[in-house]
Amino acid sequence: MDPVCFHIGARPVYWYGVMVAAGFLACLAHLTALGIREKRGSSYGSDVAFWIMLFGIIGARVAYVAANAQYYLQKPMDVIRVDQGGLIYYGGFIGAFAAGIVYARIKKISIPALADFVVSALPLGHFFGRIGCFLNGCCYGTATGLPWGTCQHGATRHPVQIYEALLNLGLYLALIAAYRRKKRDGQVLAVYLLAYPPGRFLLEFLRGDERLGWHGLDYAQAVSLALFAAGLILAWFVFGARRQRHS
C-alpha cells in the first residue's frame, strides 16, 4: 500500500497528513454547526477547535517523539514531520484536555460544558485519523488468517486501524445522541470515557507494531484503565448522584 497520496512537484503528500487534515475539517464543521445551533455564534466552534486541536496534535507528537527518543536524537529535523505519521492518541487527548481547561478558565466557561461540547466531535476526527494510519501502514495489527485480513509489513494482518475507525464512528453517533439528551454537564464526557477506553484496551491485543510496556500492559492499555476509572467516577457524579437527590 502506497502511503503517498500525490506529489506537488517532487514533494510527496502523504495519506496520513491528508486524513489528519480531513479529520480536523470534519471536527471544525461539527463544532461550528453545534455552536450555531446553540446560539453561541459562528466563530465559537472554530475558536475552540483551533486551540484544542493545535495542542492535541502537539501533545500527540510529543508523546510519540518521547516514545521513539533514540530515533529522533539521531534525526532531530524529523520531529516536525507530522505528515509522515507519528502521533500517539492518548498524548493528544491529554494535550487537548489541558488546553481545554486553560481555554475555559480564560473565557470563563464551565469546564464540564466545554468538555461535552468538544468531546462530541472527537471520535469523528479520530475516525479519519485511523483511516490515515491504515493508508500509511502504521499502527498495524497482528498476523491473521481471517478473510478480511490485509497485507501490511509482509504479512496478512488484522486491519486493526479499521476496527478502531469503526469503533470511533459508532461512538460518534452515540455521543451525538447523548449530547441531545443530556441533563447535566459532564454526561457526554462520561459516556466517552466509559466507551472508548475499554474498546481501545481490547484492540491493543491485536496490535502488531512495537508497543511500550508497563507491568504486563502496554502504555495505551494502562492509560485506558486510568481513563475508564475516571469515567466511572465522573459517571457517579453526573448520573448516580443526580438519581440519589431525586430518590
Protein backbone atom coordinates (compact mmCIF):
# COMPACT_ATOMS: atom_id res chain seq x y z
CA MET A 1 0.00 0.00 0.00
CA ASP A 2 1.48 3.31 -1.07
CA PRO A 3 1.46 5.86 1.81
CA VAL A 4 1.86 8.72 -0.69
CA CYS A 5 -1.41 10.31 -1.83
CA PHE A 6 0.03 12.58 -4.53
CA HIS A 7 3.05 14.75 -5.30
CA ILE A 8 3.42 18.50 -5.50
CA GLY A 9 6.37 18.70 -7.84
CA ALA A 10 8.92 16.33 -6.32
CA ARG A 11 7.47 16.62 -2.82
CA PRO A 12 5.23 13.75 -1.67
CA VAL A 13 1.99 14.45 0.17
CA TYR A 14 1.19 11.52 2.46
CA TRP A 15 -2.20 9.97 3.02
CA TYR A 16 -1.70 10.32 6.76
CA GLY A 17 -1.41 14.09 6.53
CA VAL A 18 -4.39 14.27 4.18
CA MET A 19 -6.58 12.27 6.56
CA VAL A 20 -5.47 14.23 9.62
CA ALA A 21 -6.44 17.41 7.76
CA ALA A 22 -9.78 15.82 6.81
CA GLY A 23 -10.38 14.93 10.46
CA PHE A 24 -9.62 18.49 11.52
CA LEU A 25 -12.05 19.90 8.95
CA ALA A 26 -14.75 17.40 9.94
CA CYS A 27 -14.40 18.35 13.63
CA LEU A 28 -14.39 22.03 12.71
CA ALA A 29 -17.62 21.61 10.72
CA HIS A 30 -19.24 19.68 13.59
CA LEU A 31 -18.28 22.20 16.28
CA THR A 32 -19.20 25.20 14.13
CA ALA A 33 -22.64 23.76 13.38
CA LEU A 34 -23.17 22.84 17.03
CA GLY A 35 -22.10 26.30 18.18
CA ILE A 36 -24.57 27.92 15.77
CA ARG A 37 -27.36 25.57 16.84
CA GLU A 38 -26.76 26.51 20.47
CA LYS A 39 -26.68 30.23 19.53
CA ARG A 40 -23.05 30.62 20.62
CA GLY A 41 -22.11 32.34 17.36
CA SER A 42 -20.46 31.08 14.20
CA SER A 43 -16.91 31.67 15.47
CA TYR A 44 -17.27 29.85 18.81
CA GLY A 45 -16.79 26.36 17.39
CA SER A 46 -13.87 27.35 15.18
CA ASP A 47 -12.10 29.15 18.04
CA VAL A 48 -12.44 26.14 20.33
CA ALA A 49 -11.45 23.72 17.56
CA PHE A 50 -8.28 25.65 16.71
CA TRP A 51 -6.81 25.66 20.22
CA ILE A 52 -7.97 22.18 21.19
CA MET A 53 -6.68 20.56 18.01
CA LEU A 54 -3.43 22.54 17.98
CA PHE A 55 -2.47 21.38 21.45
CA GLY A 56 -3.92 17.94 20.77
CA ILE A 57 -1.52 17.49 17.86
CA ILE A 58 1.38 18.90 19.89
CA GLY A 59 0.61 16.52 22.76
CA ALA A 60 0.28 13.55 20.41
CA ARG A 61 3.57 14.37 18.72
CA VAL A 62 5.45 14.96 21.97
CA ALA A 63 4.28 11.57 23.24
CA TYR A 64 5.39 9.85 20.02
CA VAL A 65 8.79 11.55 19.96
CA ALA A 66 9.34 10.65 23.62
CA ALA A 67 8.45 7.02 22.87
CA ASN A 68 10.95 6.97 19.99
CA ALA A 69 13.61 9.21 21.51
CA GLN A 70 16.59 7.27 20.15
CA TYR A 71 15.49 7.75 16.56
CA TYR A 72 14.77 11.47 16.96
CA LEU A 73 18.05 12.12 18.75
CA GLN A 74 19.74 10.93 15.57
CA LYS A 75 17.32 12.75 13.24
CA PRO A 76 16.06 15.83 15.12
CA MET A 77 14.70 17.51 11.98
CA ASP A 78 12.15 14.68 11.63
CA VAL A 79 10.45 15.79 14.84
CA ILE A 80 8.23 18.19 12.87
CA ARG A 81 7.33 15.72 10.09
CA VAL A 82 3.84 15.00 11.39
CA ASP A 83 2.64 14.46 7.83
CA GLN A 84 4.51 11.15 7.71
CA GLY A 85 2.71 9.76 10.74
CA GLY A 86 3.75 9.52 14.35
CA LEU A 87 1.02 10.69 16.71
CA ILE A 88 0.06 8.92 19.93
CA TYR A 89 -3.64 9.43 20.52
CA TYR A 90 -3.63 9.50 24.29
CA GLY A 91 -0.85 12.09 24.28
CA GLY A 92 -3.11 14.19 22.08
CA PHE A 93 -6.08 13.61 24.36
CA ILE A 94 -4.12 14.84 27.39
CA GLY A 95 -2.77 17.84 25.47
CA ALA A 96 -6.24 18.78 24.23
CA PHE A 97 -7.79 18.32 27.66
CA ALA A 98 -5.19 20.59 29.27
CA ALA A 99 -5.75 23.22 26.56
CA GLY A 100 -9.49 22.99 27.13
CA ILE A 101 -9.11 23.69 30.84
CA VAL A 102 -6.97 26.76 30.15
CA TYR A 103 -9.38 27.96 27.44
CA ALA A 104 -12.37 27.52 29.73
CA ARG A 105 -10.66 29.47 32.51
CA ILE A 106 -9.71 32.33 30.19
CA LYS A 107 -13.17 32.54 28.62
CA LYS A 108 -14.96 31.88 31.95
CA ILE A 109 -16.78 28.83 30.53
CA SER A 110 -17.89 25.81 32.54
CA ILE A 111 -15.19 23.13 32.10
CA PRO A 112 -17.70 20.20 32.04
CA ALA A 113 -19.88 22.04 29.49
CA LEU A 114 -16.87 22.73 27.24
CA ALA A 115 -15.69 19.13 27.63
CA ASP A 116 -19.08 17.83 26.46
CA PHE A 117 -19.04 20.25 23.53
CA VAL A 118 -15.55 19.24 22.35
CA VAL A 119 -15.74 15.50 23.01
CA SER A 120 -18.88 15.23 20.88
CA ALA A 121 -16.65 15.83 17.84
CA LEU A 122 -13.57 13.91 18.99
CA PRO A 123 -14.44 10.44 17.67
CA LEU A 124 -15.17 11.91 14.23
CA GLY A 125 -11.67 13.32 13.93
CA HIS A 126 -10.24 10.10 15.36
CA PHE A 127 -12.12 8.11 12.73
CA PHE A 128 -10.30 9.95 9.93
CA GLY A 129 -7.01 9.65 11.78
CA ARG A 130 -7.25 5.86 11.99
CA ILE A 131 -8.09 5.64 8.29
CA GLY A 132 -4.90 7.63 7.79
CA CYS A 133 -2.99 5.10 9.89
CA PHE A 134 -4.31 2.29 7.70
CA LEU A 135 -3.31 4.02 4.48
CA ASN A 136 0.07 4.94 5.97
CA GLY A 137 0.75 1.39 7.15
CA CYS A 138 1.40 2.37 10.78
CA CYS A 139 -0.33 1.08 13.93
CA TYR A 140 -0.78 -2.25 12.15
CA GLY A 141 -2.25 -5.44 13.57
CA THR A 142 -1.07 -8.94 14.38
CA ALA A 143 -0.95 -11.69 11.76
CA THR A 144 -4.27 -13.39 10.97
CA GLY A 145 -5.76 -15.93 8.63
CA LEU A 146 -9.16 -14.28 8.57
CA PRO A 147 -10.52 -13.46 5.11
CA TRP A 148 -10.66 -9.72 5.76
CA GLY A 149 -7.00 -9.57 6.75
CA THR A 150 -4.91 -7.04 4.84
CA CYS A 151 -1.34 -7.31 3.62
CA GLN A 152 0.88 -4.97 5.62
CA HIS A 153 4.56 -5.27 6.53
CA GLY A 154 4.99 -8.56 4.70
CA ALA A 155 2.10 -10.47 6.31
CA THR A 156 -1.68 -10.73 6.29
CA ARG A 157 -2.74 -8.83 9.37
CA HIS A 158 -5.78 -7.69 11.31
CA PRO A 159 -6.83 -4.29 9.92
CA VAL A 160 -6.87 -3.04 13.50
CA GLN A 161 -6.83 0.56 12.27
CA ILE A 162 -10.15 -0.06 10.51
CA TYR A 163 -11.55 -1.78 13.59
CA GLU A 164 -10.77 1.31 15.65
CA ALA A 165 -12.07 3.64 12.95
CA LEU A 166 -15.42 1.82 13.06
CA LEU A 167 -15.40 1.96 16.87
CA ASN A 168 -14.97 5.71 16.69
CA LEU A 169 -17.65 6.15 14.05
CA GLY A 170 -20.15 4.25 16.20
CA LEU A 171 -19.10 6.22 19.25
CA TYR A 172 -19.52 9.50 17.37
CA LEU A 173 -23.15 8.63 16.60
CA ALA A 174 -23.71 7.58 20.22
CA LEU A 175 -22.27 10.85 21.55
CA ILE A 176 -24.50 12.91 19.28
CA ALA A 177 -27.49 11.14 20.79
CA ALA A 178 -26.09 11.55 24.32
CA TYR A 179 -25.47 15.26 23.76
CA ARG A 180 -29.04 15.85 22.65
CA ARG A 181 -30.42 14.03 25.68
CA LYS A 182 -28.02 15.22 28.38
CA LYS A 183 -29.49 16.65 31.57
CA ARG A 184 -26.26 17.75 33.22
CA ASP A 185 -22.87 18.98 32.05
CA GLY A 186 -20.23 16.25 32.02
CA GLN A 187 -22.52 13.45 30.93
CA VAL A 188 -21.23 13.27 27.35
CA LEU A 189 -17.64 13.16 28.55
CA ALA A 190 -18.60 10.37 30.96
CA VAL A 191 -20.12 8.34 28.12
CA TYR A 192 -16.96 8.77 26.09
CA LEU A 193 -14.70 7.69 28.96
CA LEU A 194 -16.85 4.62 29.63
CA ALA A 195 -16.95 3.57 25.96
CA TYR A 196 -13.70 4.38 24.15
CA PRO A 197 -11.06 3.23 26.68
CA PRO A 198 -12.46 -0.34 27.04
CA GLY A 199 -12.64 -0.66 23.25
CA ARG A 200 -9.09 0.62 22.88
CA PHE A 201 -7.90 -1.70 25.67
CA LEU A 202 -9.21 -4.75 23.82
CA LEU A 203 -7.97 -3.64 20.39
CA GLU A 204 -4.45 -3.27 21.78
CA PHE A 205 -4.26 -7.08 21.99
CA LEU A 206 -4.48 -7.10 18.17
CA ARG A 207 -1.69 -4.55 17.63
CA GLY A 208 1.35 -5.98 15.90
CA ASP A 209 3.63 -2.93 15.97
CA GLU A 210 6.12 -2.34 18.76
CA ARG A 211 4.40 -1.16 21.94
CA LEU A 212 5.72 0.43 25.12
CA GLY A 213 5.06 -1.89 28.05
CA TRP A 214 4.31 -1.37 31.73
CA HIS A 215 3.64 -4.23 34.20
CA GLY A 216 2.34 -6.60 31.53
CA LEU A 217 0.23 -3.96 29.81
CA ASP A 218 1.24 -1.66 27.03
CA TYR A 219 1.15 2.12 27.51
CA ALA A 220 -2.23 2.58 25.81
CA GLN A 221 -3.86 -0.15 27.92
CA ALA A 222 -2.58 1.40 31.15
CA VAL A 223 -3.91 4.82 30.14
CA SER A 224 -7.20 3.21 29.05
CA LEU A 225 -7.68 1.72 32.51
CA ALA A 226 -6.95 5.07 34.17
CA LEU A 227 -9.38 6.95 31.91
CA PHE A 228 -12.08 4.31 32.39
CA ALA A 229 -11.70 4.67 36.18
CA ALA A 230 -12.02 8.45 35.76
CA GLY A 231 -15.14 7.82 33.66
CA LEU A 232 -16.68 5.71 36.43
CA ILE A 233 -16.08 8.46 38.99
CA LEU A 234 -17.46 11.12 36.66
CA ALA A 235 -20.48 8.97 35.82
CA TRP A 236 -21.27 8.59 39.52
CA PHE A 237 -21.31 12.37 39.92
CA VAL A 238 -23.32 13.23 36.81
CA PHE A 239 -25.68 10.24 36.72
CA GLY A 240 -25.69 8.43 40.08
CA ALA A 241 -25.59 11.44 42.39
CA ARG A 242 -28.44 13.07 40.45
CA ARG A 243 -30.61 9.98 40.88
CA GLN A 244 -29.87 9.89 44.60
CA ARG A 245 -31.02 13.50 45.04
CA HIS A 246 -34.34 12.64 43.35
CA SER A 247 -34.92 9.38 45.22
